[in-house]
Amino acid sequence: MARSYTARFERIPSGYLGQLVEWPEVITEGTTLEECRLMLEDAAREMAIAYRENDLPLPETTDTIERILVEA
């Protein structure tokens, strides 16, 4: 069963830090945004396997996240 999670990327001195909003334990770094994205996807797959092996429920994905434009 596929689930969709929200990825958050932050620019850091060594490249990018990626983390899943609904599953903050899934976190990684990469030198480029694309590398970080791929590593985050891999980390999420590995974490899902570990959760299933330990009979833990995967986090729910009920949040709706939108960007809001604010003129300042």
PDB file of N, CA and C in Angstrom:
ATOM      1  N   MET A   1       0.839  -1.176   0.000  1.00  0.00           N
ATOM      2  CA  MET A   1       0.000   0.000   0.000  1.00  0.00           C
ATOM      3  C   MET A   1       0.890   1.248   0.000  1.00  0.00           C
ATOM      4  N   ALA A   2       0.721   2.084  -0.992  1.00  0.00           N
ATOM      5  CA  ALA A   2       1.515   3.304  -1.099  1.00  0.00           C
ATOM      6  C   ALA A   2       0.892   4.419  -0.270  1.00  0.00           C
ATOM      7  N   ARG A   3       1.743   5.213   0.332  1.00  0.00           N
ATOM      8  CA  ARG A   3       1.300   6.391   1.082  1.00  0.00           C
ATOM      9  C   ARG A   3       2.087   7.599   0.583  1.00  0.00           C
ATOM     10  N   SER A   4       1.483   8.740   0.717  1.00  0.00           N
ATOM     11  CA  SER A   4       2.121   9.979   0.287  1.00  0.00           C
ATOM     12  C   SER A   4       2.436  10.825   1.515  1.00  0.00           C
ATOM     13  N   TYR A   5       3.676  11.275   1.601  1.00  0.00           N
ATOM     14  CA  TYR A   5       4.104  12.127   2.713  1.00  0.00           C
ATOM     15  C   TYR A   5       4.632  13.441   2.162  1.00  0.00           C
ATOM     16  N   THR A   6       4.668  14.450   3.008  1.00  0.00           N
ATOM     17  CA  THR A   6       5.138  15.772   2.624  1.00  0.00           C
ATOM     18  C   THR A   6       6.618  15.916   2.954  1.00  0.00           C
ATOM     19  N   ALA A   7       7.419  16.211   1.943  1.00  0.00           N
ATOM     20  CA  ALA A   7       8.852  16.405   2.140  1.00  0.00           C
ATOM     21  C   ALA A   7       9.153  17.885   2.325  1.00  0.00           C
ATOM     22  N   ARG A   8      10.035  18.170   3.269  1.00  0.00           N
ATOM     23  CA  ARG A   8      10.488  19.537   3.524  1.00  0.00           C
ATOM     24  C   ARG A   8      11.996  19.551   3.304  1.00  0.00           C
ATOM     25  N   PHE A   9      12.471  20.496   2.492  1.00  0.00           N
ATOM     26  CA  PHE A   9      13.895  20.608   2.205  1.00  0.00           C
ATOM     27  C   PHE A   9      14.400  21.964   2.686  1.00  0.00           C
ATOM     28  N   GLU A  10      15.571  21.926   3.307  1.00  0.00           N
ATOM     29  CA  GLU A  10      16.182  23.152   3.824  1.00  0.00           C
ATOM     30  C   GLU A  10      17.602  23.253   3.289  1.00  0.00           C
ATOM     31  N   ARG A  11      17.959  24.427   2.797  1.00  0.00           N
ATOM     32  CA  ARG A  11      19.330  24.656   2.316  1.00  0.00           C
ATOM     33  C   ARG A  11      20.226  24.769   3.536  1.00  0.00           C
ATOM     34  N   ILE A  12      21.309  24.007   3.564  1.00  0.00           N
ATOM     35  CA  ILE A  12      22.284  24.037   4.643  1.00  0.00           C
ATOM     36  C   ILE A  12      23.671  24.218   4.023  1.00  0.00           C
ATOM     37  N   PRO A  13      24.683  24.564   4.811  1.00  0.00           N
ATOM     38  CA  PRO A  13      26.015  24.809   4.231  1.00  0.00           C
ATOM     39  C   PRO A  13      26.561  23.650   3.380  1.00  0.00           C
ATOM     40  N   SER A  14      26.275  22.415   3.748  1.00  0.00           N
ATOM     41  CA  SER A  14      26.812  21.272   3.005  1.00  0.00           C
ATOM     42  C   SER A  14      25.900  20.825   1.856  1.00  0.00           C
ATOM     43  N   GLY A  15      24.762  21.464   1.659  1.00  0.00           N
ATOM     44  CA  GLY A  15      23.830  21.096   0.592  1.00  0.00           C
ATOM     45  C   GLY A  15      22.391  21.269   1.009  1.00  0.00           C
ATOM     46  N   TYR A  16      21.694  20.132   1.226  1.00  0.00           N
ATOM     47  CA  TYR A  16      20.278  20.172   1.593  1.00  0.00           C
ATOM     48  C   TYR A  16      19.984  19.154   2.684  1.00  0.00           C
ATOM     49  N   LEU A  17      19.067  19.512   3.552  1.00  0.00           N
ATOM     50  CA  LEU A  17      18.539  18.614   4.570  1.00  0.00           C
ATOM     51  C   LEU A  17      17.096  18.326   4.184  1.00  0.00           C
ATOM     52  N   GLY A  18      16.718  17.063   4.169  1.00  0.00           N
ATOM     53  CA  GLY A  18      15.352  16.676   3.829  1.00  0.00           C
ATOM     54  C   GLY A  18      14.710  15.922   4.978  1.00  0.00           C
ATOM     55  N   GLN A  19      13.431  16.178   5.198  1.00  0.00           N
ATOM     56  CA  GLN A  19      12.700  15.527   6.293  1.00  0.00           C
ATOM     57  C   GLN A  19      11.239  15.390   5.894  1.00  0.00           C
ATOM     58  N   LEU A  20      10.610  14.300   6.341  1.00  0.00           N
ATOM     59  CA  LEU A  20       9.179  14.138   6.108  1.00  0.00           C
ATOM     60  C   LEU A  20       8.414  14.834   7.222  1.00  0.00           C
ATOM     61  N   VAL A  21       7.485  15.679   6.869  1.00  0.00           N
ATOM     62  CA  VAL A  21       6.729  16.472   7.837  1.00  0.00           C
ATOM     63  C   VAL A  21       5.932  15.573   8.782  1.00  0.00           C
ATOM     64  N   GLU A  22       5.209  14.605   8.228  1.00  0.00           N
ATOM     65  CA  GLU A  22       4.359  13.743   9.040  1.00  0.00           C
ATOM     66  C   GLU A  22       5.142  12.628   9.742  1.00  0.00           C
ATOM     67  N   TRP A  23       6.396  12.443   9.363  1.00  0.00           N
ATOM     68  CA  TRP A  23       7.220  11.361   9.898  1.00  0.00           C
ATOM     69  C   TRP A  23       8.623  11.911  10.142  1.00  0.00           C
ATOM     70  N   PRO A  24       8.786  12.769  11.156  1.00  0.00           N
ATOM     71  CA  PRO A  24      10.043  13.495  11.358  1.00  0.00           C
ATOM     72  C   PRO A  24      11.271  12.616  11.601  1.00  0.00           C
ATOM     73  N   GLU A  25      11.069  11.356  11.936  1.00  0.00           N
ATOM     74  CA  GLU A  25      12.216  10.461  12.112  1.00  0.00           C
ATOM     75  C   GLU A  25      12.911  10.160  10.788  1.00  0.00           C
ATOM     76  N   VAL A  26      12.220  10.399   9.677  1.00  0.00           N
ATOM     77  CA  VAL A  26      12.816  10.183   8.353  1.00  0.00           C
ATOM     78  C   VAL A  26      13.478  11.492   7.937  1.00  0.00           C
ATOM     79  N   ILE A  27      14.799  11.497   8.034  1.00  0.00           N
ATOM     80  CA  ILE A  27      15.576  12.716   7.783  1.00  0.00           C
ATOM     81  C   ILE A  27      16.894  12.332   7.128  1.00  0.00           C
ATOM     82  N   THR A  28      17.385  13.166   6.218  1.00  0.00           N
ATOM     83  CA  THR A  28      18.644  12.869   5.532  1.00  0.00           C
ATOM     84  C   THR A  28      19.250  14.153   4.987  1.00  0.00           C
ATOM     85  N   GLU A  29      20.455  14.044   4.469  1.00  0.00           N
ATOM     86  CA  GLU A  29      21.142  15.172   3.836  1.00  0.00           C
ATOM     87  C   GLU A  29      21.699  14.741   2.493  1.00  0.00           C
ATOM     88  N   GLY A  30      21.836  15.703   1.598  1.00  0.00           N
ATOM     89  CA  GLY A  30      22.457  15.454   0.302  1.00  0.00           C
ATOM     90  C   GLY A  30      23.157  16.707  -0.181  1.00  0.00           C
ATOM     91  N   THR A  31      24.115  16.547  -1.062  1.00  0.00           N
ATOM     92  CA  THR A  31      24.845  17.715  -1.548  1.00  0.00           C
ATOM     93  C   THR A  31      24.026  18.538  -2.544  1.00  0.00           C
ATOM     94  N   THR A  32      23.084  17.881  -3.240  1.00  0.00           N
ATOM     95  CA  THR A  32      22.179  18.588  -4.152  1.00  0.00           C
ATOM     96  C   THR A  32      20.742  18.288  -3.739  1.00  0.00           C
ATOM     97  N   LEU A  33      19.823  19.088  -4.214  1.00  0.00           N
ATOM     98  CA  LEU A  33      18.416  18.859  -3.905  1.00  0.00           C
ATOM     99  C   LEU A  33      17.966  17.507  -4.446  1.00  0.00           C
ATOM    100  N   GLU A  34      18.365  17.165  -5.662  1.00  0.00           N
ATOM    101  CA  GLU A  34      17.970  15.880  -6.252  1.00  0.00           C
ATOM    102  C   GLU A  34      18.539  14.714  -5.449  1.00  0.00           C
ATOM    103  N   GLU A  35      19.801  14.797  -5.053  1.00  0.00           N
ATOM    104  CA  GLU A  35      20.397  13.733  -4.237  1.00  0.00           C
ATOM    105  C   GLU A  35      19.671  13.605  -2.903  1.00  0.00           C
ATOM    106  N   CYS A  36      19.352  14.719  -2.288  1.00  0.00           N
ATOM    107  CA  CYS A  36      18.638  14.704  -1.012  1.00  0.00           C
ATOM    108  C   CYS A  36      17.252  14.085  -1.175  1.00  0.00           C
ATOM    109  N   ARG A  37      16.568  14.421  -2.251  1.00  0.00           N
ATOM    110  CA  ARG A  37      15.238  13.870  -2.524  1.00  0.00           C
ATOM    111  C   ARG A  37      15.304  12.347  -2.672  1.00  0.00           C
ATOM    112  N   LEU A  38      16.262  11.864  -3.451  1.00  0.00           N
ATOM    113  CA  LEU A  38      16.411  10.423  -3.646  1.00  0.00           C
ATOM    114  C   LEU A  38      16.761   9.715  -2.340  1.00  0.00           C
ATOM    115  N   MET A  39      17.640  10.327  -1.555  1.00  0.00           N
ATOM    116  CA  MET A  39      18.022   9.729  -0.276  1.00  0.00           C
ATOM    117  C   MET A  39      16.851   9.720   0.697  1.00  0.00           C
ATOM    118  N   LEU A  40      16.015  10.759   0.654  1.00  0.00           N
ATOM    119  CA  LEU A  40      14.850  10.820   1.526  1.00  0.00           C
ATOM    120  C   LEU A  40      13.840   9.734   1.152  1.00  0.00           C
ATOM    121  N   GLU A  41      13.632   9.532  -0.142  1.00  0.00           N
ATOM    122  CA  GLU A  41      12.739   8.462  -0.598  1.00  0.00           C
ATOM    123  C   GLU A  41      13.257   7.098  -0.141  1.00  0.00           C
ATOM    124  N   ASP A  42      14.565   6.887  -0.265  1.00  0.00           N
ATOM    125  CA  ASP A  42      15.164   5.628   0.166  1.00  0.00           C
ATOM    126  C   ASP A  42      15.037   5.459   1.682  1.00  0.00           C
ATOM    127  N   ALA A  43      15.292   6.527   2.426  1.00  0.00           N
ATOM    128  CA  ALA A  43      15.172   6.460   3.890  1.00  0.00           C
ATOM    129  C   ALA A  43      13.736   6.135   4.305  1.00  0.00           C
ATOM    130  N   ALA A  44      12.762   6.693   3.600  1.00  0.00           N
ATOM    131  CA  ALA A  44      11.355   6.426   3.913  1.00  0.00           C
ATOM    132  C   ALA A  44      11.013   4.959   3.642  1.00  0.00           C
ATOM    133  N   ARG A  45      11.506   4.419   2.527  1.00  0.00           N
ATOM    134  CA  ARG A  45      11.268   3.001   2.220  1.00  0.00           C
ATOM    135  C   ARG A  45      11.883   2.102   3.289  1.00  0.00           C
ATOM    136  N   GLU A  46      13.114   2.392   3.677  1.00  0.00           N
ATOM    137  CA  GLU A  46      13.792   1.585   4.692  1.00  0.00           C
ATOM    138  C   GLU A  46      13.086   1.693   6.053  1.00  0.00           C
ATOM    139  N   MET A  47      12.624   2.890   6.390  1.00  0.00           N
ATOM    140  CA  MET A  47      11.916   3.077   7.661  1.00  0.00           C
ATOM    141  C   MET A  47      10.587   2.318   7.634  1.00  0.00           C
ATOM    142  N   ALA A  48       9.891   2.337   6.501  1.00  0.00           N
ATOM    143  CA  ALA A  48       8.624   1.610   6.386  1.00  0.00           C
ATOM    144  C   ALA A  48       8.853   0.110   6.571  1.00  0.00           C
ATOM    145  N   ILE A  49       9.934  -0.409   5.998  1.00  0.00           N
ATOM    146  CA  ILE A  49      10.263  -1.823   6.178  1.00  0.00           C
ATOM    147  C   ILE A  49      10.505  -2.127   7.650  1.00  0.00           C
ATOM    148  N   ALA A  50      11.280  -1.287   8.310  1.00  0.00           N
ATOM    149  CA  ALA A  50      11.574  -1.495   9.730  1.00  0.00           C
ATOM    150  C   ALA A  50      10.304  -1.433  10.575  1.00  0.00           C
ATOM    151  N   TYR A  51       9.412  -0.494  10.261  1.00  0.00           N
ATOM    152  CA  TYR A  51       8.161  -0.393  11.004  1.00  0.00           C
ATOM    153  C   TYR A  51       7.334  -1.664  10.823  1.00  0.00           C
ATOM    154  N   ARG A  52       7.220  -2.134   9.584  1.00  0.00           N
ATOM    155  CA  ARG A  52       6.429  -3.347   9.325  1.00  0.00           C
ATOM    156  C   ARG A  52       7.020  -4.563  10.031  1.00  0.00           C
ATOM    157  N   GLU A  53       8.349  -4.689  10.007  1.00  0.00           N
ATOM    158  CA  GLU A  53       9.010  -5.816  10.664  1.00  0.00           C
ATOM    159  C   GLU A  53       8.781  -5.810  12.180  1.00  0.00           C
ATOM    160  N   ASN A  54       8.547  -4.638  12.738  1.00  0.00           N
ATOM    161  CA  ASN A  54       8.324  -4.502  14.174  1.00  0.00           C
ATOM    162  C   ASN A  54       6.851  -4.289  14.520  1.00  0.00           C
ATOM    163  N   ASP A  55       5.977  -4.558  13.557  1.00  0.00           N
ATOM    164  CA  ASP A  55       4.529  -4.420  13.741  1.00  0.00           C
ATOM    165  C   ASP A  55       4.113  -3.041  14.257  1.00  0.00           C
ATOM    166  N   LEU A  56       4.767  -2.009  13.746  1.00  0.00           N
ATOM    167  CA  LEU A  56       4.418  -0.636  14.104  1.00  0.00           C
ATOM    168  C   LEU A  56       3.597  -0.024  12.975  1.00  0.00           C
ATOM    169  N   PRO A  57       2.597   0.785  13.305  1.00  0.00           N
ATOM    170  CA  PRO A  57       1.799   1.431  12.255  1.00  0.00           C
ATOM    171  C   PRO A  57       2.576   2.578  11.602  1.00  0.00           C
ATOM    172  N   LEU A  58       2.409   2.717  10.307  1.00  0.00           N
ATOM    173  CA  LEU A  58       3.014   3.858   9.620  1.00  0.00           C
ATOM    174  C   LEU A  58       2.250   5.122   9.996  1.00  0.00           C
ATOM    175  N   PRO A  59       2.927   6.263  10.054  1.00  0.00           N
ATOM    176  CA  PRO A  59       2.241   7.505  10.383  1.00  0.00           C
ATOM    177  C   PRO A  59       1.118   7.816   9.386  1.00  0.00           C
ATOM    178  N   GLU A  60       0.055   8.400   9.897  1.00  0.00           N
ATOM    179  CA  GLU A  60      -1.064   8.814   9.047  1.00  0.00           C
ATOM    180  C   GLU A  60      -0.669  10.055   8.263  1.00  0.00           C
ATOM    181  N   THR A  61      -1.328  10.250   7.158  1.00  0.00           N
ATOM    182  CA  THR A  61      -1.052  11.401   6.295  1.00  0.00           C
ATOM    183  C   THR A  61      -2.324  12.197   6.077  1.00  0.00           C
ATOM    184  N   THR A  62      -2.803  12.817   7.132  1.00  0.00           N
ATOM    185  CA  THR A  62      -4.074  13.532   7.054  1.00  0.00           C
ATOM    186  C   THR A  62      -3.917  15.038   6.893  1.00  0.00           C
ATOM    187  N   ASP A  63      -2.707  15.555   7.054  1.00  0.00           N
ATOM    188  CA  ASP A  63      -2.498  16.999   6.959  1.00  0.00           C
ATOM    189  C   ASP A  63      -2.610  17.484   5.524  1.00  0.00           C
ATOM    190  N   THR A  64      -3.071  18.702   5.374  1.00  0.00           N
ATOM    191  CA  THR A  64      -3.042  19.383   4.087  1.00  0.00           C
ATOM    192  C   THR A  64      -2.111  20.569   4.243  1.00  0.00           C
ATOM    193  N   ILE A  65      -1.104  20.637   3.420  1.00  0.00           N
ATOM    194  CA  ILE A  65      -0.135  21.718   3.504  1.00  0.00           C
ATOM    195  C   ILE A  65      -0.189  22.504   2.214  1.00  0.00           C
ATOM    196  N   GLU A  66      -0.332  23.805   2.354  1.00  0.00           N
ATOM    197  CA  GLU A  66      -0.380  24.700   1.204  1.00  0.00           C
ATOM    198  C   GLU A  66       0.557  25.875   1.436  1.00  0.00           C
ATOM    199  N   ARG A  67       1.063  26.417   0.364  1.00  0.00           N
ATOM    200  CA  ARG A  67       1.841  27.656   0.465  1.00  0.00           C
ATOM    201  C   ARG A  67       0.870  28.811   0.294  1.00  0.00           C
ATOM    202  N   ILE A  68       1.008  29.801   1.131  1.00  0.00           N
ATOM    203  CA  ILE A  68       0.164  30.992   1.096  1.00  0.00           C
ATOM    204  C   ILE A  68       1.041  32.187   0.726  1.00  0.00           C
ATOM    205  N   LEU A  69       0.664  32.932  -0.278  1.00  0.00           N
ATOM    206  CA  LEU A  69       1.405  34.117  -0.691  1.00  0.00           C
ATOM    207  C   LEU A  69       1.022  35.292   0.204  1.00  0.00           C
ATOM    208  N   VAL A  70       2.003  35.915   0.789  1.00  0.00           N
ATOM    209  CA  VAL A  70       1.787  37.084   1.639  1.00  0.00           C
ATOM    210  C   VAL A  70       2.653  38.206   1.094  1.00  0.00           C
ATOM    211  N   GLU A  71       2.021  39.278   0.644  1.00  0.00           N
ATOM    212  CA  GLU A  71       2.784  40.419   0.149  1.00  0.00           C
ATOM    213  C   GLU A  71       3.172  41.297   1.324  1.00  0.00           C
ATOM    214  N   ALA A  72       4.451  41.631   1.386  1.00  0.00           N
ATOM    215  CA  ALA A  72       4.944  42.449   2.512  1.00  0.00           C
ATOM    216  C   ALA A  72       5.460  43.768   2.019  1.00  0.00           C
TER     217      ALA A  72
END
